């Protein structure tokens, strides 16, 4: 495996939650930088006895409603 993909959701309070799409890995962070550190820590811990993937993709989709009238 060369890449892990995480689906990232921004919570209403401003924090972030990340869930891996192919492995049972979930983490969160109050800021984007904290989330990145926590994802790296969680992936390293999950793969403690096997090779770590070469890269991690954090996929954030922002859903926003803009009122016209």
N, C-alpha and C. Protein backbone atom coordinates (compact mmCIF):
# COMPACT_ATOMS: atom_id res chain seq x y z
N UNK A 1 0.85 -1.17 0.00
CA UNK A 1 0.00 0.00 0.00
C UNK A 1 0.90 1.24 0.00
N UNK A 2 0.66 2.12 -0.94
CA UNK A 2 1.50 3.31 -1.04
C UNK A 2 0.82 4.56 -0.50
N UNK A 3 -0.51 4.54 -0.39
CA UNK A 3 -1.22 5.75 0.07
C UNK A 3 -2.43 5.37 0.91
N UNK A 4 -2.63 6.13 1.99
CA UNK A 4 -3.86 6.04 2.78
C UNK A 4 -4.65 7.32 2.52
N UNK A 5 -5.96 7.18 2.41
CA UNK A 5 -6.83 8.34 2.19
C UNK A 5 -7.73 8.48 3.41
N UNK A 6 -7.75 9.70 3.96
CA UNK A 6 -8.61 10.03 5.08
C UNK A 6 -9.69 11.00 4.63
N UNK A 7 -10.92 10.71 5.00
CA UNK A 7 -12.04 11.63 4.79
C UNK A 7 -12.07 12.55 6.00
N UNK A 8 -11.94 13.86 5.78
CA UNK A 8 -11.88 14.83 6.86
C UNK A 8 -13.17 15.66 6.87
N UNK A 9 -13.72 15.84 8.07
CA UNK A 9 -14.93 16.63 8.26
C UNK A 9 -14.61 17.74 9.25
N UNK A 10 -15.01 18.97 8.91
CA UNK A 10 -14.85 20.07 9.87
C UNK A 10 -16.11 20.12 10.72
N UNK A 11 -15.93 20.04 12.03
CA UNK A 11 -17.05 20.05 12.96
C UNK A 11 -17.57 21.47 13.15
N UNK A 12 -18.77 21.60 13.68
CA UNK A 12 -19.38 22.91 13.90
C UNK A 12 -18.56 23.79 14.83
N UNK A 13 -17.84 23.17 15.77
CA UNK A 13 -17.03 23.94 16.72
C UNK A 13 -15.69 24.36 16.14
N UNK A 14 -15.41 23.97 14.89
CA UNK A 14 -14.17 24.35 14.23
C UNK A 14 -13.12 23.27 14.19
N UNK A 15 -13.25 22.23 15.00
CA UNK A 15 -12.30 21.13 15.00
C UNK A 15 -12.48 20.24 13.78
N UNK A 16 -11.59 19.27 13.64
CA UNK A 16 -11.62 18.35 12.49
C UNK A 16 -11.62 16.91 12.96
N UNK A 17 -12.32 16.05 12.22
CA UNK A 17 -12.30 14.59 12.43
C UNK A 17 -11.85 13.95 11.13
N UNK A 18 -10.98 12.93 11.24
CA UNK A 18 -10.46 12.25 10.06
C UNK A 18 -10.65 10.75 10.21
N UNK A 19 -11.20 10.12 9.18
CA UNK A 19 -11.43 8.68 9.17
C UNK A 19 -10.80 8.08 7.91
N UNK A 20 -9.96 7.08 8.11
CA UNK A 20 -9.32 6.41 6.99
C UNK A 20 -10.36 5.59 6.23
N UNK A 21 -10.29 5.62 4.91
CA UNK A 21 -11.26 4.90 4.08
C UNK A 21 -10.93 3.43 3.91
N UNK A 22 -9.68 3.03 4.15
CA UNK A 22 -9.31 1.63 3.89
C UNK A 22 -8.88 0.86 5.14
N UNK A 23 -8.59 1.55 6.22
CA UNK A 23 -8.18 0.91 7.47
C UNK A 23 -9.02 1.46 8.61
N UNK A 24 -9.00 0.79 9.74
CA UNK A 24 -9.79 1.20 10.89
C UNK A 24 -9.00 2.22 11.72
N UNK A 25 -8.83 3.44 11.16
CA UNK A 25 -8.08 4.50 11.82
C UNK A 25 -8.95 5.75 11.86
N UNK A 26 -9.08 6.33 13.05
CA UNK A 26 -9.87 7.54 13.23
C UNK A 26 -9.14 8.44 14.22
N UNK A 27 -9.11 9.74 13.95
CA UNK A 27 -8.51 10.69 14.88
C UNK A 27 -9.14 12.05 14.68
N UNK A 28 -8.77 12.99 15.54
CA UNK A 28 -9.32 14.34 15.45
C UNK A 28 -8.29 15.35 15.91
N UNK A 29 -8.59 16.63 15.66
CA UNK A 29 -7.72 17.71 16.09
C UNK A 29 -8.48 19.01 16.12
N UNK A 30 -8.06 19.91 16.99
CA UNK A 30 -8.72 21.21 17.11
C UNK A 30 -8.35 22.14 15.96
N UNK A 31 -7.14 21.98 15.41
CA UNK A 31 -6.68 22.79 14.28
C UNK A 31 -6.22 21.85 13.17
N UNK A 32 -6.00 22.41 11.98
CA UNK A 32 -5.53 21.60 10.86
C UNK A 32 -4.15 21.01 11.16
N UNK A 33 -3.27 21.82 11.74
CA UNK A 33 -1.93 21.33 12.08
C UNK A 33 -1.98 20.22 13.12
N UNK A 34 -2.84 20.37 14.12
CA UNK A 34 -2.98 19.33 15.13
C UNK A 34 -3.54 18.05 14.50
N UNK A 35 -4.50 18.19 13.59
CA UNK A 35 -5.06 17.02 12.91
C UNK A 35 -3.96 16.29 12.14
N UNK A 36 -3.13 17.03 11.41
CA UNK A 36 -2.05 16.41 10.64
C UNK A 36 -1.11 15.62 11.56
N UNK A 37 -0.72 16.22 12.69
CA UNK A 37 0.14 15.51 13.65
C UNK A 37 -0.54 14.27 14.19
N UNK A 38 -1.82 14.38 14.52
CA UNK A 38 -2.57 13.24 15.08
C UNK A 38 -2.75 12.12 14.05
N UNK A 39 -2.96 12.49 12.79
CA UNK A 39 -3.07 11.47 11.74
C UNK A 39 -1.75 10.71 11.61
N UNK A 40 -0.64 11.44 11.57
CA UNK A 40 0.67 10.78 11.48
C UNK A 40 0.91 9.85 12.66
N UNK A 41 0.57 10.31 13.86
CA UNK A 41 0.73 9.49 15.06
C UNK A 41 -0.15 8.24 15.01
N UNK A 42 -1.40 8.41 14.58
CA UNK A 42 -2.33 7.28 14.51
C UNK A 42 -1.89 6.26 13.47
N UNK A 43 -1.41 6.73 12.32
CA UNK A 43 -0.96 5.82 11.27
C UNK A 43 0.29 5.07 11.72
N UNK A 44 1.22 5.77 12.34
CA UNK A 44 2.44 5.13 12.83
C UNK A 44 2.10 4.06 13.86
N UNK A 45 1.18 4.36 14.76
CA UNK A 45 0.78 3.37 15.77
C UNK A 45 0.06 2.18 15.14
N UNK A 46 -0.80 2.44 14.16
CA UNK A 46 -1.55 1.37 13.51
C UNK A 46 -0.63 0.41 12.77
N UNK A 47 0.40 0.94 12.13
CA UNK A 47 1.33 0.14 11.35
C UNK A 47 2.62 -0.15 12.12
N UNK A 48 2.54 -0.29 13.44
CA UNK A 48 3.74 -0.46 14.25
C UNK A 48 4.55 -1.70 13.88
N UNK A 49 3.91 -2.72 13.35
CA UNK A 49 4.61 -3.97 13.05
C UNK A 49 4.68 -4.26 11.55
N UNK A 50 4.37 -3.27 10.72
CA UNK A 50 4.45 -3.43 9.27
C UNK A 50 4.87 -2.11 8.64
N UNK A 51 5.25 -2.14 7.38
CA UNK A 51 5.70 -0.91 6.72
C UNK A 51 4.58 0.14 6.65
N UNK A 52 4.95 1.37 6.93
CA UNK A 52 4.01 2.50 6.87
C UNK A 52 3.84 2.92 5.41
N UNK A 53 2.61 3.25 4.98
CA UNK A 53 2.41 3.73 3.61
C UNK A 53 3.28 4.95 3.30
N UNK A 54 3.61 5.13 2.05
CA UNK A 54 4.51 6.22 1.63
C UNK A 54 3.89 7.59 1.79
N UNK A 55 2.57 7.69 1.66
CA UNK A 55 1.93 8.99 1.80
C UNK A 55 0.53 8.86 2.34
N UNK A 56 0.05 9.98 2.88
CA UNK A 56 -1.30 10.07 3.44
C UNK A 56 -2.00 11.23 2.76
N UNK A 57 -3.21 10.98 2.30
CA UNK A 57 -4.00 12.03 1.66
C UNK A 57 -5.14 12.40 2.62
N UNK A 58 -5.24 13.69 2.95
CA UNK A 58 -6.33 14.21 3.76
C UNK A 58 -7.32 14.88 2.83
N UNK A 59 -8.51 14.31 2.73
CA UNK A 59 -9.52 14.78 1.78
C UNK A 59 -10.60 15.54 2.56
N UNK A 60 -10.61 16.86 2.42
CA UNK A 60 -11.59 17.72 3.08
C UNK A 60 -12.52 18.32 2.04
N UNK A 61 -13.81 18.09 2.22
CA UNK A 61 -14.82 18.70 1.34
C UNK A 61 -15.59 19.69 2.19
N UNK A 62 -15.66 20.89 1.71
CA UNK A 62 -16.37 21.93 2.45
C UNK A 62 -17.75 22.12 1.83
N UNK A 63 -18.77 21.99 2.65
CA UNK A 63 -20.15 22.15 2.20
C UNK A 63 -20.68 23.45 2.78
N UNK A 64 -21.02 24.40 1.91
CA UNK A 64 -21.48 25.69 2.38
C UNK A 64 -22.73 26.11 1.60
N UNK A 65 -23.71 26.63 2.31
CA UNK A 65 -24.93 27.12 1.69
C UNK A 65 -24.88 28.64 1.71
N UNK A 66 -25.06 29.24 0.53
CA UNK A 66 -25.06 30.69 0.41
C UNK A 66 -26.47 31.12 0.01
N UNK A 67 -27.08 31.96 0.85
CA UNK A 67 -28.42 32.44 0.54
C UNK A 67 -28.35 33.59 -0.43
N UNK A 68 -29.18 33.56 -1.45
CA UNK A 68 -29.16 34.57 -2.49
C UNK A 68 -30.10 35.72 -2.14
N UNK A 69 -31.23 35.40 -1.58
CA UNK A 69 -32.21 36.45 -1.31
C UNK A 69 -32.36 36.70 0.17
